[in-house]
Amino acid sequence: MDPAAMRSEQLRELSQREYPQVVALIASEPPPFNDAYGRVQAFYESLPWPRKDT
């Protein structure tokens, strides 16, 4: 697992392409893709990743 994985443009494009399928499953109005992706990316990168030098 890579803490910088969410920065991949390929992953972002795939996620954006699939976002309408996720939106269809949510009862309330979901946030725009860029807002949602930014929040998920910030959370993912904030996880307590093991240091690479250990």
PDB file of N, CA and C in Angstrom:
ATOM      1  N   MET A   1       0.845  -1.169   0.000  1.00  0.00           N
ATOM      2  CA  MET A   1       0.000   0.000   0.000  1.00  0.00           C
ATOM      3  C   MET A   1       0.895   1.238   0.000  1.00  0.00           C
ATOM      4  N   ASP A   2       0.453   2.218  -0.737  1.00  0.00           N
ATOM      5  CA  ASP A   2       1.233   3.442  -0.883  1.00  0.00           C
ATOM      6  C   ASP A   2       0.406   4.637  -0.394  1.00  0.00           C
ATOM      7  N   PRO A   3       0.900   5.385   0.580  1.00  0.00           N
ATOM      8  CA  PRO A   3       0.133   6.527   1.074  1.00  0.00           C
ATOM      9  C   PRO A   3      -0.104   7.599   0.011  1.00  0.00           C
ATOM     10  N   ALA A   4       0.647   7.593  -1.063  1.00  0.00           N
ATOM     11  CA  ALA A   4       0.470   8.584  -2.126  1.00  0.00           C
ATOM     12  C   ALA A   4      -0.376   8.038  -3.282  1.00  0.00           C
ATOM     13  N   ALA A   5      -0.956   6.869  -3.136  1.00  0.00           N
ATOM     14  CA  ALA A   5      -1.703   6.226  -4.218  1.00  0.00           C
ATOM     15  C   ALA A   5      -2.857   7.079  -4.733  1.00  0.00           C
ATOM     16  N   MET A   6      -3.505   7.809  -3.847  1.00  0.00           N
ATOM     17  CA  MET A   6      -4.658   8.619  -4.244  1.00  0.00           C
ATOM     18  C   MET A   6      -4.261   9.806  -5.117  1.00  0.00           C
ATOM     19  N   ARG A   7      -2.976  10.068  -5.223  1.00  0.00           N
ATOM     20  CA  ARG A   7      -2.502  11.170  -6.076  1.00  0.00           C
ATOM     21  C   ARG A   7      -2.356  10.744  -7.535  1.00  0.00           C
ATOM     22  N   SER A   8      -2.524   9.466  -7.799  1.00  0.00           N
ATOM     23  CA  SER A   8      -2.410   8.942  -9.158  1.00  0.00           C
ATOM     24  C   SER A   8      -3.513   9.511 -10.049  1.00  0.00           C
ATOM     25  N   GLU A   9      -3.122  10.112 -11.148  1.00  0.00           N
ATOM     26  CA  GLU A   9      -4.104  10.668 -12.084  1.00  0.00           C
ATOM     27  C   GLU A   9      -4.969   9.555 -12.687  1.00  0.00           C
ATOM     28  N   GLN A  10      -4.372   8.399 -12.896  1.00  0.00           N
ATOM     29  CA  GLN A  10      -5.122   7.268 -13.442  1.00  0.00           C
ATOM     30  C   GLN A  10      -6.216   6.826 -12.457  1.00  0.00           C
ATOM     31  N   LEU A  11      -5.901   6.749 -11.176  1.00  0.00           N
ATOM     32  CA  LEU A  11      -6.890   6.374 -10.168  1.00  0.00           C
ATOM     33  C   LEU A  11      -7.976   7.434 -10.064  1.00  0.00           C
ATOM     34  N   ARG A  12      -7.584   8.688 -10.113  1.00  0.00           N
ATOM     35  CA  ARG A  12      -8.563   9.780 -10.046  1.00  0.00           C
ATOM     36  C   ARG A  12      -9.528   9.715 -11.230  1.00  0.00           C
ATOM     37  N   GLU A  13      -9.013   9.483 -12.423  1.00  0.00           N
ATOM     38  CA  GLU A  13      -9.866   9.397 -13.613  1.00  0.00           C
ATOM     39  C   GLU A  13     -10.822   8.205 -13.534  1.00  0.00           C
ATOM     40  N   LEU A  14     -10.331   7.066 -13.089  1.00  0.00           N
ATOM     41  CA  LEU A  14     -11.181   5.891 -12.928  1.00  0.00           C
ATOM     42  C   LEU A  14     -12.263   6.156 -11.878  1.00  0.00           C
ATOM     43  N   SER A  15     -11.887   6.755 -10.776  1.00  0.00           N
ATOM     44  CA  SER A  15     -12.847   7.074  -9.723  1.00  0.00           C
ATOM     45  C   SER A  15     -13.921   8.028 -10.226  1.00  0.00           C
ATOM     46  N   GLN A  16     -13.517   9.011 -10.999  1.00  0.00           N
ATOM     47  CA  GLN A  16     -14.473   9.977 -11.526  1.00  0.00           C
ATOM     48  C   GLN A  16     -15.424   9.306 -12.515  1.00  0.00           C
ATOM     49  N   ARG A  17     -14.914   8.407 -13.300  1.00  0.00           N
ATOM     50  CA  ARG A  17     -15.742   7.678 -14.268  1.00  0.00           C
ATOM     51  C   ARG A  17     -16.784   6.809 -13.559  1.00  0.00           C
ATOM     52  N   GLU A  18     -16.420   6.239 -12.414  1.00  0.00           N
ATOM     53  CA  GLU A  18     -17.314   5.349 -11.670  1.00  0.00           C
ATOM     54  C   GLU A  18     -18.191   6.089 -10.649  1.00  0.00           C
ATOM     55  N   TYR A  19     -17.934   7.357 -10.411  1.00  0.00           N
ATOM     56  CA  TYR A  19     -18.659   8.111  -9.386  1.00  0.00           C
ATOM     57  C   TYR A  19     -20.178   8.109  -9.597  1.00  0.00           C
ATOM     58  N   PRO A  20     -20.680   8.225 -10.813  1.00  0.00           N
ATOM     59  CA  PRO A  20     -22.147   8.190 -10.989  1.00  0.00           C
ATOM     60  C   PRO A  20     -22.794   6.905 -10.448  1.00  0.00           C
ATOM     61  N   GLN A  21     -22.088   5.795 -10.478  1.00  0.00           N
ATOM     62  CA  GLN A  21     -22.630   4.552  -9.922  1.00  0.00           C
ATOM     63  C   GLN A  21     -22.744   4.650  -8.402  1.00  0.00           C
ATOM     64  N   VAL A  22     -21.792   5.301  -7.767  1.00  0.00           N
ATOM     65  CA  VAL A  22     -21.837   5.495  -6.317  1.00  0.00           C
ATOM     66  C   VAL A  22     -22.965   6.463  -5.972  1.00  0.00           C
ATOM     67  N   VAL A  23     -23.084   7.533  -6.735  1.00  0.00           N
ATOM     68  CA  VAL A  23     -24.113   8.543  -6.506  1.00  0.00           C
ATOM     69  C   VAL A  23     -25.501   7.895  -6.538  1.00  0.00           C
ATOM     70  N   ALA A  24     -25.694   6.942  -7.440  1.00  0.00           N
ATOM     71  CA  ALA A  24     -26.994   6.275  -7.562  1.00  0.00           C
ATOM     72  C   ALA A  24     -27.363   5.491  -6.308  1.00  0.00           C
ATOM     73  N   LEU A  25     -26.392   5.132  -5.485  1.00  0.00           N
ATOM     74  CA  LEU A  25     -26.639   4.352  -4.275  1.00  0.00           C
ATOM     75  C   LEU A  25     -26.894   5.203  -3.034  1.00  0.00           C
ATOM     76  N   ILE A  26     -26.703   6.506  -3.144  1.00  0.00           N
ATOM     77  CA  ILE A  26     -26.809   7.398  -1.996  1.00  0.00           C
ATOM     78  C   ILE A  26     -28.170   8.089  -2.008  1.00  0.00           C
ATOM     79  N   ALA A  27     -28.871   8.010  -0.884  1.00  0.00           N
ATOM     80  CA  ALA A  27     -30.223   8.577  -0.798  1.00  0.00           C
ATOM     81  C   ALA A  27     -30.206  10.109  -0.820  1.00  0.00           C
ATOM     82  N   SER A  28     -29.228  10.718  -0.179  1.00  0.00           N
ATOM     83  CA  SER A  28     -29.162  12.179  -0.141  1.00  0.00           C
ATOM     84  C   SER A  28     -28.273  12.684  -1.281  1.00  0.00           C
ATOM     85  N   GLU A  29     -28.258  13.979  -1.444  1.00  0.00           N
ATOM     86  CA  GLU A  29     -27.433  14.598  -2.492  1.00  0.00           C
ATOM     87  C   GLU A  29     -25.956  14.501  -2.115  1.00  0.00           C
ATOM     88  N   PRO A  30     -25.168  13.749  -2.873  1.00  0.00           N
ATOM     89  CA  PRO A  30     -23.741  13.631  -2.553  1.00  0.00           C
ATOM     90  C   PRO A  30     -22.981  14.885  -2.993  1.00  0.00           C
ATOM     91  N   PRO A  31     -21.787  15.072  -2.440  1.00  0.00           N
ATOM     92  CA  PRO A  31     -20.986  16.225  -2.856  1.00  0.00           C
ATOM     93  C   PRO A  31     -20.470  16.035  -4.279  1.00  0.00           C
ATOM     94  N   PRO A  32     -20.094  17.126  -4.935  1.00  0.00           N
ATOM     95  CA  PRO A  32     -19.473  16.998  -6.255  1.00  0.00           C
ATOM     96  C   PRO A  32     -18.239  16.092  -6.164  1.00  0.00           C
ATOM     97  N   PHE A  33     -17.901  15.463  -7.267  1.00  0.00           N
ATOM     98  CA  PHE A  33     -16.792  14.506  -7.275  1.00  0.00           C
ATOM     99  C   PHE A  33     -15.510  15.087  -6.696  1.00  0.00           C
ATOM    100  N   ASN A  34     -15.111  16.277  -7.134  1.00  0.00           N
ATOM    101  CA  ASN A  34     -13.834  16.845  -6.665  1.00  0.00           C
ATOM    102  C   ASN A  34     -13.809  17.036  -5.152  1.00  0.00           C
ATOM    103  N   ASP A  35     -14.931  17.447  -4.576  1.00  0.00           N
ATOM    104  CA  ASP A  35     -15.001  17.605  -3.121  1.00  0.00           C
ATOM    105  C   ASP A  35     -14.880  16.246  -2.432  1.00  0.00           C
ATOM    106  N   ALA A  36     -15.648  15.275  -2.923  1.00  0.00           N
ATOM    107  CA  ALA A  36     -15.626  13.939  -2.319  1.00  0.00           C
ATOM    108  C   ALA A  36     -14.242  13.311  -2.434  1.00  0.00           C
ATOM    109  N   TYR A  37     -13.651  13.390  -3.604  1.00  0.00           N
ATOM    110  CA  TYR A  37     -12.332  12.788  -3.806  1.00  0.00           C
ATOM    111  C   TYR A  37     -11.289  13.464  -2.917  1.00  0.00           C
ATOM    112  N   GLY A  38     -11.367  14.769  -2.813  1.00  0.00           N
ATOM    113  CA  GLY A  38     -10.427  15.500  -1.963  1.00  0.00           C
ATOM    114  C   GLY A  38     -10.519  15.076  -0.512  1.00  0.00           C
ATOM    115  N   ARG A  39     -11.734  14.879  -0.033  1.00  0.00           N
ATOM    116  CA  ARG A  39     -11.910  14.438   1.364  1.00  0.00           C
ATOM    117  C   ARG A  39     -11.372  13.029   1.573  1.00  0.00           C
ATOM    118  N   VAL A  40     -11.692  12.152   0.639  1.00  0.00           N
ATOM    119  CA  VAL A  40     -11.210  10.770   0.760  1.00  0.00           C
ATOM    120  C   VAL A  40      -9.685  10.742   0.670  1.00  0.00           C
ATOM    121  N   GLN A  41      -9.127  11.512  -0.243  1.00  0.00           N
ATOM    122  CA  GLN A  41      -7.668  11.560  -0.389  1.00  0.00           C
ATOM    123  C   GLN A  41      -7.022  12.076   0.893  1.00  0.00           C
ATOM    124  N   ALA A  42      -7.571  13.139   1.469  1.00  0.00           N
ATOM    125  CA  ALA A  42      -7.008  13.690   2.710  1.00  0.00           C
ATOM    126  C   ALA A  42      -7.078  12.659   3.839  1.00  0.00           C
ATOM    127  N   PHE A  43      -8.205  11.962   3.949  1.00  0.00           N
ATOM    128  CA  PHE A  43      -8.338  10.935   4.986  1.00  0.00           C
ATOM    129  C   PHE A  43      -7.323   9.813   4.753  1.00  0.00           C
ATOM    130  N   TYR A  44      -7.250   9.322   3.525  1.00  0.00           N
ATOM    131  CA  TYR A  44      -6.346   8.221   3.176  1.00  0.00           C
ATOM    132  C   TYR A  44      -4.901   8.579   3.511  1.00  0.00           C
ATOM    133  N   GLU A  45      -4.501   9.776   3.139  1.00  0.00           N
ATOM    134  CA  GLU A  45      -3.115  10.199   3.379  1.00  0.00           C
ATOM    135  C   GLU A  45      -2.839  10.469   4.852  1.00  0.00           C
ATOM    136  N   SER A  46      -3.890  10.701   5.648  1.00  0.00           N
ATOM    137  CA  SER A  46      -3.687  10.972   7.072  1.00  0.00           C
ATOM    138  C   SER A  46      -3.596   9.697   7.909  1.00  0.00           C
ATOM    139  N   LEU A  47      -3.854   8.543   7.307  1.00  0.00           N
ATOM    140  CA  LEU A  47      -3.779   7.288   8.052  1.00  0.00           C
ATOM    141  C   LEU A  47      -2.361   7.078   8.575  1.00  0.00           C
ATOM    142  N   PRO A  48      -2.219   6.344   9.658  1.00  0.00           N
ATOM    143  CA  PRO A  48      -0.885   6.141  10.248  1.00  0.00           C
ATOM    144  C   PRO A  48      -0.058   5.123   9.453  1.00  0.00           C
ATOM    145  N   TRP A  49       0.459   5.571   8.332  1.00  0.00           N
ATOM    146  CA  TRP A  49       1.251   4.700   7.468  1.00  0.00           C
ATOM    147  C   TRP A  49       2.584   4.339   8.128  1.00  0.00           C
ATOM    148  N   PRO A  50       3.038   3.102   7.944  1.00  0.00           N
ATOM    149  CA  PRO A  50       4.363   2.752   8.479  1.00  0.00           C
ATOM    150  C   PRO A  50       5.428   3.564   7.745  1.00  0.00           C
ATOM    151  N   ARG A  51       6.433   3.943   8.468  1.00  0.00           N
ATOM    152  CA  ARG A  51       7.544   4.676   7.852  1.00  0.00           C
ATOM    153  C   ARG A  51       8.306   3.758   6.927  1.00  0.00           C
ATOM    154  N   LYS A  52       8.759   4.284   5.794  1.00  0.00           N
ATOM    155  CA  LYS A  52       9.481   3.467   4.815  1.00  0.00           C
ATOM    156  C   LYS A  52      10.882   3.094   5.272  1.00  0.00           C
ATOM    157  N   ASP A  53      11.437   3.847   6.207  1.00  0.00           N
ATOM    158  CA  ASP A  53      12.812   3.564   6.646  1.00  0.00           C
ATOM    159  C   ASP A  53      12.866   2.526   7.758  1.00  0.00           C
ATOM    160  N   THR A  54      11.711   1.947   8.128  1.00  0.00           N
ATOM    161  CA  THR A  54      11.713   0.919   9.175  1.00  0.00           C
ATOM    162  C   THR A  54      11.322  -0.412   8.624  1.00  0.00           C
TER     163      THR A  54
END
